[in-house]
Structure formats: structure tokens, C-alpha cells
């Protein structure tokens, strides 16, 4: 299930890094020096986000796939 969340990756000049956002999981973001590193870090943080939400008994949104605003 973790790999079904949409991940948006873009370059940030301000941070001098690629930023990976997961819009369906509030506050779920990662970064990396390369596109691939940002993607790998995002995949890890998605897993951690879900594990934390489960431990805190918070709802975990179902992946919807491609979002209209992305």
C-alpha cells in the first residue's frame, strides 16, 4: 500500500535540494540531493508516517492515486 501514494518531486533553489511531498498524508515530506534520493527518502517517510499514525490511533487515508491538482 505504501507505494501507491502520489509523490510530487520538485527542485527547491532555496533549499538546494529536491523536495518530495506526499499530498495525501498531511505534513509528509522528504528531501534529497538527487531526484532518486528524494524519492527513496519519501518512500521511507511514508512508511514512518503510517506507522506513527497507527500507533497514535489516527486515521490513515487510503491512496487515491493521481490527484486533480497535481
PDB file of N, CA and C in Angstrom:
ATOM      1  N   UNK A   1       0.824  -1.199   0.000  1.00  0.00           N
ATOM      2  CA  UNK A   1       0.000   0.000   0.000  1.00  0.00           C
ATOM      3  C   UNK A   1       0.864   1.258   0.000  1.00  0.00           C
ATOM      4  N   UNK A   2       2.027   1.229   0.629  1.00  0.00           N
ATOM      5  CA  UNK A   2       2.832   2.435   0.782  1.00  0.00           C
ATOM      6  C   UNK A   2       3.224   3.063  -0.553  1.00  0.00           C
ATOM      7  N   UNK A   3       3.474   2.240  -1.557  1.00  0.00           N
ATOM      8  CA  UNK A   3       3.962   2.776  -2.817  1.00  0.00           C
ATOM      9  C   UNK A   3       2.850   3.304  -3.713  1.00  0.00           C
ATOM     10  N   UNK A   4       1.622   3.321  -3.241  1.00  0.00           N
ATOM     11  CA  UNK A   4       0.509   3.793  -4.056  1.00  0.00           C
ATOM     12  C   UNK A   4       0.164   5.257  -3.813  1.00  0.00           C
ATOM     13  N   UNK A   5       0.807   5.891  -2.876  1.00  0.00           N
ATOM     14  CA  UNK A   5       0.559   7.312  -2.625  1.00  0.00           C
ATOM     15  C   UNK A   5       1.282   8.152  -3.667  1.00  0.00           C
ATOM     16  N   UNK A   6       0.623   9.207  -4.097  1.00  0.00           N
ATOM     17  CA  UNK A   6       1.244  10.106  -5.061  1.00  0.00           C
ATOM     18  C   UNK A   6       2.377  10.876  -4.374  1.00  0.00           C
ATOM     19  N   UNK A   7       3.500  10.986  -5.068  1.00  0.00           N
ATOM     20  CA  UNK A   7       4.655  11.744  -4.581  1.00  0.00           C
ATOM     21  C   UNK A   7       4.977  12.804  -5.619  1.00  0.00           C
ATOM     22  N   UNK A   8       5.015  14.046  -5.178  1.00  0.00           N
ATOM     23  CA  UNK A   8       5.357  15.162  -6.071  1.00  0.00           C
ATOM     24  C   UNK A   8       6.770  15.595  -5.726  1.00  0.00           C
ATOM     25  N   UNK A   9       7.659  15.600  -6.728  1.00  0.00           N
ATOM     26  CA  UNK A   9       9.059  15.950  -6.503  1.00  0.00           C
ATOM     27  C   UNK A   9       9.402  17.172  -7.343  1.00  0.00           C
ATOM     28  N   UNK A  10      10.051  18.143  -6.699  1.00  0.00           N
ATOM     29  CA  UNK A  10      10.464  19.361  -7.404  1.00  0.00           C
ATOM     30  C   UNK A  10      11.774  19.876  -6.820  1.00  0.00           C
ATOM     31  N   UNK A  11      12.464  20.675  -7.606  1.00  0.00           N
ATOM     32  CA  UNK A  11      13.713  21.279  -7.165  1.00  0.00           C
ATOM     33  C   UNK A  11      13.429  22.547  -6.373  1.00  0.00           C
ATOM     34  N   UNK A  12      14.097  22.720  -5.248  1.00  0.00           N
ATOM     35  CA  UNK A  12      13.980  23.926  -4.441  1.00  0.00           C
ATOM     36  C   UNK A  12      15.331  24.633  -4.417  1.00  0.00           C
ATOM     37  N   UNK A  13      15.411  25.780  -5.079  1.00  0.00           N
ATOM     38  CA  UNK A  13      16.649  26.568  -5.067  1.00  0.00           C
ATOM     39  C   UNK A  13      16.962  27.061  -3.662  1.00  0.00           C
ATOM     40  N   UNK A  14      15.914  27.384  -2.922  1.00  0.00           N
ATOM     41  CA  UNK A  14      16.090  27.879  -1.556  1.00  0.00           C
ATOM     42  C   UNK A  14      16.758  26.835  -0.663  1.00  0.00           C
ATOM     43  N   UNK A  15      16.359  25.585  -0.819  1.00  0.00           N
ATOM     44  CA  UNK A  15      16.914  24.501  -0.010  1.00  0.00           C
ATOM     45  C   UNK A  15      18.098  23.814  -0.678  1.00  0.00           C
ATOM     46  N   UNK A  16      18.312  24.123  -1.959  1.00  0.00           N
ATOM     47  CA  UNK A  16      19.361  23.485  -2.753  1.00  0.00           C
ATOM     48  C   UNK A  16      19.220  21.962  -2.701  1.00  0.00           C
ATOM     49  N   UNK A  17      17.967  21.519  -2.865  1.00  0.00           N
ATOM     50  CA  UNK A  17      17.670  20.091  -2.796  1.00  0.00           C
ATOM     51  C   UNK A  17      16.363  19.808  -3.524  1.00  0.00           C
ATOM     52  N   UNK A  18      16.154  18.538  -3.846  1.00  0.00           N
ATOM     53  CA  UNK A  18      14.861  18.102  -4.358  1.00  0.00           C
ATOM     54  C   UNK A  18      13.932  17.892  -3.169  1.00  0.00           C
ATOM     55  N   UNK A  19      12.700  18.335  -3.302  1.00  0.00           N
ATOM     56  CA  UNK A  19      11.692  18.178  -2.262  1.00  0.00           C
ATOM     57  C   UNK A  19      10.657  17.187  -2.762  1.00  0.00           C
ATOM     58  N   UNK A  20      10.288  16.251  -1.919  1.00  0.00           N
ATOM     59  CA  UNK A  20       9.262  15.265  -2.248  1.00  0.00           C
ATOM     60  C   UNK A  20       8.100  15.440  -1.276  1.00  0.00           C
ATOM     61  N   UNK A  21       6.924  15.740  -1.807  1.00  0.00           N
ATOM     62  CA  UNK A  21       5.733  15.927  -0.988  1.00  0.00           C
ATOM     63  C   UNK A  21       4.752  14.804  -1.258  1.00  0.00           C
ATOM     64  N   UNK A  22       4.044  14.389  -0.213  1.00  0.00           N
ATOM     65  CA  UNK A  22       3.008  13.364  -0.333  1.00  0.00           C
ATOM     66  C   UNK A  22       1.696  14.036   0.079  1.00  0.00           C
ATOM     67  N   UNK A  23       0.960  14.602  -0.887  1.00  0.00           N
ATOM     68  CA  UNK A  23      -0.213  15.417  -0.574  1.00  0.00           C
ATOM     69  C   UNK A  23      -1.301  14.707   0.229  1.00  0.00           C
ATOM     70  N   UNK A  24      -1.435  13.407   0.071  1.00  0.00           N
ATOM     71  CA  UNK A  24      -2.500  12.684   0.762  1.00  0.00           C
ATOM     72  C   UNK A  24      -2.206  12.440   2.243  1.00  0.00           C
ATOM     73  N   UNK A  25      -0.952  12.642   2.645  1.00  0.00           N
ATOM     74  CA  UNK A  25      -0.556  12.440   4.039  1.00  0.00           C
ATOM     75  C   UNK A  25      -0.076  13.782   4.589  1.00  0.00           C
ATOM     76  N   UNK A  26      -0.899  14.493   5.333  1.00  0.00           N
ATOM     77  CA  UNK A  26      -0.557  15.836   5.801  1.00  0.00           C
ATOM     78  C   UNK A  26       0.810  15.918   6.483  1.00  0.00           C
ATOM     79  N   UNK A  27       1.627  16.847   6.016  1.00  0.00           N
ATOM     80  CA  UNK A  27       2.938  17.079   6.602  1.00  0.00           C
ATOM     81  C   UNK A  27       4.001  16.080   6.180  1.00  0.00           C
ATOM     82  N   UNK A  28       3.664  15.160   5.302  1.00  0.00           N
ATOM     83  CA  UNK A  28       4.608  14.115   4.881  1.00  0.00           C
ATOM     84  C   UNK A  28       5.464  14.647   3.732  1.00  0.00           C
ATOM     85  N   UNK A  29       6.717  14.933   4.035  1.00  0.00           N
ATOM     86  CA  UNK A  29       7.666  15.491   3.068  1.00  0.00           C
ATOM     87  C   UNK A  29       9.044  14.911   3.325  1.00  0.00           C
ATOM     88  N   UNK A  30       9.856  14.919   2.276  1.00  0.00           N
ATOM     89  CA  UNK A  30      11.246  14.492   2.396  1.00  0.00           C
ATOM     90  C   UNK A  30      12.067  15.322   1.417  1.00  0.00           C
ATOM     91  N   UNK A  31      13.378  15.185   1.503  1.00  0.00           N
ATOM     92  CA  UNK A  31      14.234  15.882   0.545  1.00  0.00           C
ATOM     93  C   UNK A  31      15.409  14.986   0.195  1.00  0.00           C
ATOM     94  N   UNK A  32      16.209  15.450  -0.758  1.00  0.00           N
ATOM     95  CA  UNK A  32      17.389  14.704  -1.152  1.00  0.00           C
ATOM     96  C   UNK A  32      18.263  15.517  -2.079  1.00  0.00           C
ATOM     97  N   UNK A  33      19.523  15.162  -2.143  1.00  0.00           N
ATOM     98  CA  UNK A  33      20.466  15.862  -3.028  1.00  0.00           C
ATOM     99  C   UNK A  33      20.185  15.550  -4.490  1.00  0.00           C
ATOM    100  N   UNK A  34      19.607  14.359  -4.756  1.00  0.00           N
ATOM    101  CA  UNK A  34      19.243  13.971  -6.118  1.00  0.00           C
ATOM    102  C   UNK A  34      17.757  13.620  -6.134  1.00  0.00           C
ATOM    103  N   UNK A  35      17.207  13.537  -7.343  1.00  0.00           N
ATOM    104  CA  UNK A  35      15.812  13.141  -7.519  1.00  0.00           C
ATOM    105  C   UNK A  35      15.588  11.755  -6.909  1.00  0.00           C
ATOM    106  N   UNK A  36      16.495  10.836  -7.207  1.00  0.00           N
ATOM    107  CA  UNK A  36      16.377   9.465  -6.714  1.00  0.00           C
ATOM    108  C   UNK A  36      16.449   9.402  -5.185  1.00  0.00           C
ATOM    109  N   UNK A  37      17.321  10.213  -4.606  1.00  0.00           N
ATOM    110  CA  UNK A  37      17.444  10.234  -3.146  1.00  0.00           C
ATOM    111  C   UNK A  37      16.169  10.787  -2.512  1.00  0.00           C
ATOM    112  N   UNK A  38      15.603  11.821  -3.106  1.00  0.00           N
ATOM    113  CA  UNK A  38      14.355  12.386  -2.586  1.00  0.00           C
ATOM    114  C   UNK A  38      13.231  11.357  -2.649  1.00  0.00           C
ATOM    115  N   UNK A  39      13.161  10.609  -3.748  1.00  0.00           N
ATOM    116  CA  UNK A  39      12.142   9.577  -3.890  1.00  0.00           C
ATOM    117  C   UNK A  39      12.337   8.471  -2.851  1.00  0.00           C
ATOM    118  N   UNK A  40      13.555   8.013  -2.678  1.00  0.00           N
ATOM    119  CA  UNK A  40      13.849   6.973  -1.688  1.00  0.00           C
ATOM    120  C   UNK A  40      13.484   7.448  -0.282  1.00  0.00           C
ATOM    121  N   UNK A  41      13.852   8.690   0.035  1.00  0.00           N
ATOM    122  CA  UNK A  41      13.540   9.243   1.351  1.00  0.00           C
ATOM    123  C   UNK A  41      12.030   9.388   1.540  1.00  0.00           C
ATOM    124  N   UNK A  42      11.318   9.763   0.481  1.00  0.00           N
ATOM    125  CA  UNK A  42       9.860   9.892   0.564  1.00  0.00           C
ATOM    126  C   UNK A  42       9.217   8.535   0.829  1.00  0.00           C
ATOM    127  N   UNK A  43       9.699   7.504   0.172  1.00  0.00           N
ATOM    128  CA  UNK A  43       9.154   6.169   0.396  1.00  0.00           C
ATOM    129  C   UNK A  43       9.353   5.738   1.848  1.00  0.00           C
ATOM    130  N   UNK A  44      10.497   6.063   2.410  1.00  0.00           N
ATOM    131  CA  UNK A  44      10.767   5.729   3.817  1.00  0.00           C
ATOM    132  C   UNK A  44       9.874   6.537   4.753  1.00  0.00           C
ATOM    133  N   UNK A  45       9.710   7.822   4.478  1.00  0.00           N
ATOM    134  CA  UNK A  45       8.925   8.675   5.369  1.00  0.00           C
ATOM    135  C   UNK A  45       7.439   8.336   5.290  1.00  0.00           C
ATOM    136  N   UNK A  46       6.971   7.849   4.136  1.00  0.00           N
ATOM    137  CA  UNK A  46       5.577   7.391   4.028  1.00  0.00           C
ATOM    138  C   UNK A  46       5.358   6.227   4.995  1.00  0.00           C
ATOM    139  N   UNK A  47       6.272   5.285   4.976  1.00  0.00           N
ATOM    140  CA  UNK A  47       6.172   4.137   5.883  1.00  0.00           C
ATOM    141  C   UNK A  47       6.167   4.595   7.338  1.00  0.00           C
ATOM    142  N   UNK A  48       7.056   5.514   7.687  1.00  0.00           N
ATOM    143  CA  UNK A  48       7.126   6.015   9.064  1.00  0.00           C
ATOM    144  C   UNK A  48       5.879   6.811   9.432  1.00  0.00           C
ATOM    145  N   UNK A  49       5.345   7.591   8.490  1.00  0.00           N
ATOM    146  CA  UNK A  49       4.131   8.380   8.735  1.00  0.00           C
ATOM    147  C   UNK A  49       2.989   7.436   9.081  1.00  0.00           C
ATOM    148  N   UNK A  50       2.838   6.374   8.293  1.00  0.00           N
ATOM    149  CA  UNK A  50       1.748   5.426   8.503  1.00  0.00           C
ATOM    150  C   UNK A  50       1.928   4.675   9.828  1.00  0.00           C
ATOM    151  N   UNK A  51       3.140   4.252  10.120  1.00  0.00           N
ATOM    152  CA  UNK A  51       3.405   3.557  11.388  1.00  0.00           C
ATOM    153  C   UNK A  51       3.078   4.451  12.580  1.00  0.00           C
ATOM    154  N   UNK A  52       3.462   5.723  12.504  1.00  0.00           N
ATOM    155  CA  UNK A  52       3.198   6.662  13.595  1.00  0.00           C
ATOM    156  C   UNK A  52       1.701   6.899  13.751  1.00  0.00           C
ATOM    157  N   UNK A  53       1.008   7.102  12.640  1.00  0.00           N
ATOM    158  CA  UNK A  53      -0.441   7.316  12.699  1.00  0.00           C
ATOM    159  C   UNK A  53      -1.139   6.104  13.320  1.00  0.00           C
ATOM    160  N   UNK A  54      -0.703   4.907  12.953  1.00  0.00           N
ATOM    161  CA  UNK A  54      -1.300   3.694  13.507  1.00  0.00           C
ATOM    162  C   UNK A  54      -1.065   3.607  15.019  1.00  0.00           C
ATOM    163  N   UNK A  55       0.149   3.924  15.459  1.00  0.00           N
ATOM    164  CA  UNK A  55       0.460   3.885  16.889  1.00  0.00           C
ATOM    165  C   UNK A  55      -0.370   4.893  17.678  1.00  0.00           C
ATOM    166  N   UNK A  56      -0.661   6.040  17.060  1.00  0.00           N
ATOM    167  CA  UNK A  56      -1.438   7.090  17.721  1.00  0.00           C
ATOM    168  C   UNK A  56      -2.938   6.933  17.480  1.00  0.00           C
ATOM    169  N   UNK A  57      -3.309   5.838  16.822  1.00  0.00           N
ATOM    170  CA  UNK A  57      -4.710   5.548  16.509  1.00  0.00           C
ATOM    171  C   UNK A  57      -5.367   6.681  15.715  1.00  0.00           C
ATOM    172  N   UNK A  58      -4.611   7.223  14.766  1.00  0.00           N
ATOM    173  CA  UNK A  58      -5.129   8.273  13.885  1.00  0.00           C
ATOM    174  C   UNK A  58      -5.510   7.657  12.544  1.00  0.00           C
ATOM    175  N   UNK A  59      -6.458   8.265  11.846  1.00  0.00           N
ATOM    176  CA  UNK A  59      -6.872   7.708  10.555  1.00  0.00           C
ATOM    177  C   UNK A  59      -5.748   7.765   9.522  1.00  0.00           C
ATOM    178  N   UNK A  60      -5.696   6.741   8.697  1.00  0.00           N
ATOM    179  CA  UNK A  60      -4.699   6.666   7.628  1.00  0.00           C
ATOM    180  C   UNK A  60      -5.460   6.733   6.303  1.00  0.00           C
ATOM    181  N   UNK A  61      -5.282   7.817   5.545  1.00  0.00           N
ATOM    182  CA  UNK A  61      -6.002   7.939   4.277  1.00  0.00           C
ATOM    183  C   UNK A  61      -5.636   6.824   3.300  1.00  0.00           C
ATOM    184  N   UNK A  62      -6.622   6.353   2.572  1.00  0.00           N
ATOM    185  CA  UNK A  62      -6.383   5.373   1.517  1.00  0.00           C
ATOM    186  C   UNK A  62      -5.758   6.092   0.325  1.00  0.00           C
ATOM    187  N   UNK A  63      -4.789   5.483  -0.346  1.00  0.00           N
ATOM    188  CA  UNK A  63      -4.191   6.121  -1.520  1.00  0.00           C
ATOM    189  C   UNK A  63      -5.241   6.293  -2.617  1.00  0.00           C
ATOM    190  N   UNK A  64      -5.248   7.465  -3.226  1.00  0.00           N
ATOM    191  CA  UNK A  64      -6.216   7.757  -4.287  1.00  0.00           C
ATOM    192  C   UNK A  64      -5.565   7.767  -5.654  1.00  0.00           C
ATOM    193  N   UNK A  65      -4.254   7.720  -5.687  1.00  0.00           N
ATOM    194  CA  UNK A  65      -3.576   7.796  -6.981  1.00  0.00           C
ATOM    195  C   UNK A  65      -3.428   9.221  -7.428  1.00  0.00           C
ATOM    196  N   UNK A  66      -3.479   9.438  -8.712  1.00  0.00           N
ATOM    197  CA  UNK A  66      -3.247  10.767  -9.271  1.00  0.00           C
ATOM    198  C   UNK A  66      -4.317  11.749  -8.794  1.00  0.00           C
ATOM    199  N   UNK A  67      -3.871  12.867  -8.276  1.00  0.00           N
ATOM    200  CA  UNK A  67      -4.767  13.899  -7.781  1.00  0.00           C
ATOM    201  C   UNK A  67      -5.023  14.928  -8.877  1.00  0.00           C
ATOM    202  N   UNK A  68      -6.159  15.556  -8.816  1.00  0.00           N
ATOM    203  CA  UNK A  68      -6.532  16.533  -9.833  1.00  0.00           C
ATOM    204  C   UNK A  68      -5.672  17.785  -9.839  1.00  0.00           C
ATOM    205  N   UNK A  69      -5.194  18.207  -8.657  1.00  0.00           N
ATOM    206  CA  UNK A  69      -4.449  19.459  -8.585  1.00  0.00           C
ATOM    207  C   UNK A  69      -2.961  19.285  -8.783  1.00  0.00           C
ATOM    208  N   UNK A  70      -2.501  18.085  -8.955  1.00  0.00           N
ATOM    209  CA  UNK A  70      -1.063  17.846  -9.094  1.00  0.00           C
ATOM    210  C   UNK A  70      -0.623  18.006 -10.538  1.00  0.00           C
TER     211      UNK A  70
END
